[in-house]
N, C-alpha and C. Protein backbone atom coordinates (compact mmCIF):
# COMPACT_ATOMS: atom_id res chain seq x y z
N MET A 1 0.84 -1.17 0.00
CA MET A 1 0.00 0.00 0.00
C MET A 1 0.89 1.24 0.00
N ASP A 2 0.56 2.20 -0.84
CA ASP A 2 1.37 3.41 -0.87
C ASP A 2 0.92 4.38 0.23
N ALA A 3 1.70 5.42 0.43
CA ALA A 3 1.46 6.37 1.51
C ALA A 3 0.12 7.08 1.36
N LEU A 4 -0.27 7.42 0.15
CA LEU A 4 -1.55 8.10 -0.07
C LEU A 4 -2.71 7.20 0.32
N ALA A 5 -2.66 5.94 -0.07
CA ALA A 5 -3.73 5.00 0.27
C ALA A 5 -3.81 4.80 1.79
N LEU A 6 -2.65 4.69 2.45
CA LEU A 6 -2.64 4.54 3.90
C LEU A 6 -3.23 5.78 4.58
N ASN A 7 -2.87 6.95 4.09
CA ASN A 7 -3.38 8.19 4.65
C ASN A 7 -4.90 8.29 4.48
N THR A 8 -5.38 7.94 3.30
CA THR A 8 -6.81 7.97 3.02
C THR A 8 -7.57 6.99 3.91
N ALA A 9 -7.02 5.78 4.05
CA ALA A 9 -7.65 4.77 4.89
C ALA A 9 -7.68 5.21 6.35
N THR A 10 -6.60 5.82 6.80
CA THR A 10 -6.53 6.30 8.19
C THR A 10 -7.57 7.39 8.43
N LYS A 11 -7.68 8.34 7.52
CA LYS A 11 -8.66 9.42 7.66
C LYS A 11 -10.08 8.86 7.73
N ALA A 12 -10.40 7.92 6.85
CA ALA A 12 -11.74 7.33 6.83
C ALA A 12 -12.00 6.56 8.12
N ASN A 13 -11.00 5.83 8.56
CA ASN A 13 -11.14 5.04 9.78
C ASN A 13 -11.37 5.95 10.99
N LEU A 14 -10.61 7.01 11.10
CA LEU A 14 -10.75 7.93 12.23
C LEU A 14 -12.09 8.67 12.18
N ALA A 15 -12.60 8.95 11.00
CA ALA A 15 -13.92 9.56 10.89
C ALA A 15 -14.99 8.59 11.41
N ASP A 16 -14.83 7.31 11.11
CA ASP A 16 -15.75 6.29 11.62
C ASP A 16 -15.67 6.19 13.15
N VAL A 17 -14.47 6.29 13.69
CA VAL A 17 -14.29 6.27 15.14
C VAL A 17 -15.03 7.44 15.77
N ARG A 18 -14.84 8.64 15.20
CA ARG A 18 -15.53 9.82 15.74
C ARG A 18 -17.04 9.67 15.69
N ALA A 19 -17.55 9.19 14.57
CA ALA A 19 -19.00 9.03 14.42
C ALA A 19 -19.54 8.02 15.45
N SER A 20 -18.82 6.95 15.66
CA SER A 20 -19.25 5.95 16.64
C SER A 20 -19.21 6.52 18.05
N LEU A 21 -18.18 7.30 18.35
CA LEU A 21 -18.08 7.91 19.68
C LEU A 21 -19.21 8.91 19.92
N GLU A 22 -19.57 9.65 18.89
CA GLU A 22 -20.68 10.60 19.03
C GLU A 22 -21.99 9.86 19.30
N LYS A 23 -22.21 8.77 18.59
CA LYS A 23 -23.41 7.97 18.81
C LYS A 23 -23.40 7.40 20.23
N ALA A 24 -22.26 6.90 20.66
CA ALA A 24 -22.14 6.34 22.01
C ALA A 24 -22.40 7.41 23.07
N LEU A 25 -21.92 8.62 22.83
CA LEU A 25 -22.14 9.70 23.78
C LEU A 25 -23.62 10.04 23.91
N ARG A 26 -24.32 10.05 22.80
CA ARG A 26 -25.76 10.32 22.84
C ARG A 26 -26.48 9.25 23.66
N ILE A 27 -26.09 8.00 23.47
CA ILE A 27 -26.71 6.90 24.22
C ILE A 27 -26.38 7.02 25.70
N ALA A 28 -25.12 7.32 26.01
CA ALA A 28 -24.70 7.45 27.42
C ALA A 28 -25.46 8.59 28.10
N ARG A 29 -25.66 9.68 27.40
CA ARG A 29 -26.42 10.81 27.97
C ARG A 29 -27.87 10.40 28.23
N ALA A 30 -28.45 9.66 27.30
CA ALA A 30 -29.83 9.20 27.49
C ALA A 30 -29.93 8.25 28.68
N ALA A 31 -28.95 7.37 28.81
CA ALA A 31 -28.94 6.44 29.95
C ALA A 31 -28.82 7.20 31.26
N GLU A 32 -27.95 8.19 31.28
CA GLU A 32 -27.78 9.00 32.48
C GLU A 32 -29.05 9.77 32.81
N ALA A 33 -29.70 10.33 31.80
CA ALA A 33 -30.95 11.07 32.02
C ALA A 33 -32.02 10.16 32.62
N CYS A 34 -32.07 8.94 32.14
CA CYS A 34 -33.03 7.97 32.71
C CYS A 34 -32.73 7.74 34.18
N ALA A 35 -31.47 7.51 34.49
CA ALA A 35 -31.07 7.23 35.88
C ALA A 35 -31.35 8.43 36.78
N VAL A 36 -31.03 9.62 36.31
CA VAL A 36 -31.25 10.83 37.11
C VAL A 36 -32.73 11.04 37.39
N SER A 37 -33.56 10.67 36.44
CA SER A 37 -35.01 10.86 36.62
C SER A 37 -35.65 9.73 37.43
N GLY A 38 -34.80 8.83 37.93
CA GLY A 38 -35.33 7.75 38.77
C GLY A 38 -35.63 6.45 38.04
N ARG A 39 -35.36 6.41 36.76
CA ARG A 39 -35.62 5.20 35.98
C ARG A 39 -34.30 4.46 35.74
N THR A 40 -33.72 3.99 36.85
CA THR A 40 -32.41 3.37 36.80
C THR A 40 -32.38 2.13 35.93
N ARG A 41 -33.39 1.29 36.04
CA ARG A 41 -33.42 0.07 35.22
C ARG A 41 -33.46 0.40 33.74
N LYS A 42 -34.25 1.39 33.37
CA LYS A 42 -34.30 1.80 31.97
C LYS A 42 -32.95 2.39 31.55
N GLY A 43 -32.31 3.13 32.44
CA GLY A 43 -30.99 3.68 32.16
C GLY A 43 -29.98 2.58 31.86
N MET A 44 -30.04 1.51 32.64
CA MET A 44 -29.13 0.38 32.40
C MET A 44 -29.47 -0.31 31.08
N GLU A 45 -30.74 -0.43 30.79
CA GLU A 45 -31.16 -1.04 29.52
C GLU A 45 -30.60 -0.23 28.34
N VAL A 46 -30.71 1.08 28.45
CA VAL A 46 -30.19 1.96 27.40
C VAL A 46 -28.66 1.85 27.33
N ALA A 47 -28.01 1.87 28.50
CA ALA A 47 -26.55 1.79 28.54
C ALA A 47 -26.03 0.50 27.92
N LEU A 48 -26.75 -0.58 28.10
CA LEU A 48 -26.30 -1.85 27.55
C LEU A 48 -26.32 -1.87 26.03
N SER A 49 -27.06 -0.93 25.44
CA SER A 49 -27.04 -0.85 23.97
C SER A 49 -25.72 -0.28 23.47
N LEU A 50 -24.84 0.13 24.38
CA LEU A 50 -23.51 0.59 24.00
C LEU A 50 -22.59 -0.56 23.63
N GLU A 51 -22.92 -1.76 24.07
CA GLU A 51 -22.01 -2.90 23.87
C GLU A 51 -21.60 -3.10 22.42
N PRO A 52 -22.53 -3.15 21.46
CA PRO A 52 -22.08 -3.35 20.07
C PRO A 52 -21.25 -2.18 19.54
N ILE A 53 -21.52 -0.98 20.02
CA ILE A 53 -20.75 0.19 19.59
C ILE A 53 -19.32 0.08 20.12
N VAL A 54 -19.19 -0.32 21.37
CA VAL A 54 -17.86 -0.48 21.96
C VAL A 54 -17.08 -1.55 21.21
N TYR A 55 -17.74 -2.63 20.85
CA TYR A 55 -17.09 -3.70 20.09
C TYR A 55 -16.62 -3.16 18.74
N GLU A 56 -17.48 -2.41 18.07
CA GLU A 56 -17.13 -1.82 16.77
C GLU A 56 -15.97 -0.84 16.91
N LEU A 57 -15.99 -0.03 17.96
CA LEU A 57 -14.90 0.91 18.19
C LEU A 57 -13.58 0.19 18.40
N ASN A 58 -13.61 -0.88 19.14
CA ASN A 58 -12.40 -1.66 19.36
C ASN A 58 -11.85 -2.18 18.03
N THR A 59 -12.74 -2.66 17.18
CA THR A 59 -12.34 -3.15 15.87
C THR A 59 -11.76 -2.03 15.02
N LEU A 60 -12.41 -0.87 15.04
CA LEU A 60 -11.92 0.27 14.26
C LEU A 60 -10.55 0.74 14.76
N LEU A 61 -10.36 0.75 16.07
CA LEU A 61 -9.07 1.16 16.61
C LEU A 61 -7.98 0.15 16.28
N ASN A 62 -8.33 -1.12 16.30
CA ASN A 62 -7.36 -2.14 15.89
C ASN A 62 -6.97 -1.96 14.43
N ALA A 63 -7.94 -1.65 13.59
CA ALA A 63 -7.65 -1.41 12.17
C ALA A 63 -6.76 -0.19 12.00
N ALA A 64 -7.05 0.89 12.74
CA ALA A 64 -6.23 2.09 12.65
C ALA A 64 -4.80 1.79 13.09
N SER A 65 -4.65 0.99 14.12
CA SER A 65 -3.33 0.62 14.60
C SER A 65 -2.57 -0.18 13.55
N MET A 66 -3.27 -1.09 12.90
CA MET A 66 -2.64 -1.91 11.86
C MET A 66 -2.22 -1.05 10.67
N ILE A 67 -3.09 -0.13 10.28
CA ILE A 67 -2.76 0.77 9.16
C ILE A 67 -1.53 1.61 9.53
N ASN A 68 -1.50 2.07 10.77
CA ASN A 68 -0.36 2.86 11.23
C ASN A 68 0.93 2.05 11.17
N ARG A 69 0.87 0.79 11.58
CA ARG A 69 2.07 -0.07 11.52
C ARG A 69 2.50 -0.32 10.08
N LEU A 70 1.52 -0.48 9.19
CA LEU A 70 1.86 -0.68 7.77
C LEU A 70 2.58 0.54 7.21
N GLY A 71 2.18 1.71 7.66
CA GLY A 71 2.80 2.94 7.19
C GLY A 71 4.22 3.11 7.66
N LYS A 72 4.58 2.45 8.75
CA LYS A 72 5.92 2.58 9.29
C LYS A 72 6.89 1.57 8.70
N SER A 73 6.36 0.57 7.99
CA SER A 73 7.25 -0.48 7.47
C SER A 73 7.71 -0.17 6.06
């Protein structure tokens, strides 16, 4: 892979990370709002919907790390 392709892939990957984090933040805020309003069980239910996002983020970060290592070799 050439440097331009690695740079493009890194930019796209990091944009995906940001988008996922923004979505996760919205969910976390909703979960917190539920808990603050006394609906703790609903807050936990909402918070648990973060699990697939966290999994996806981990995968995206692993991909970014791999792309970064490819760029250094």
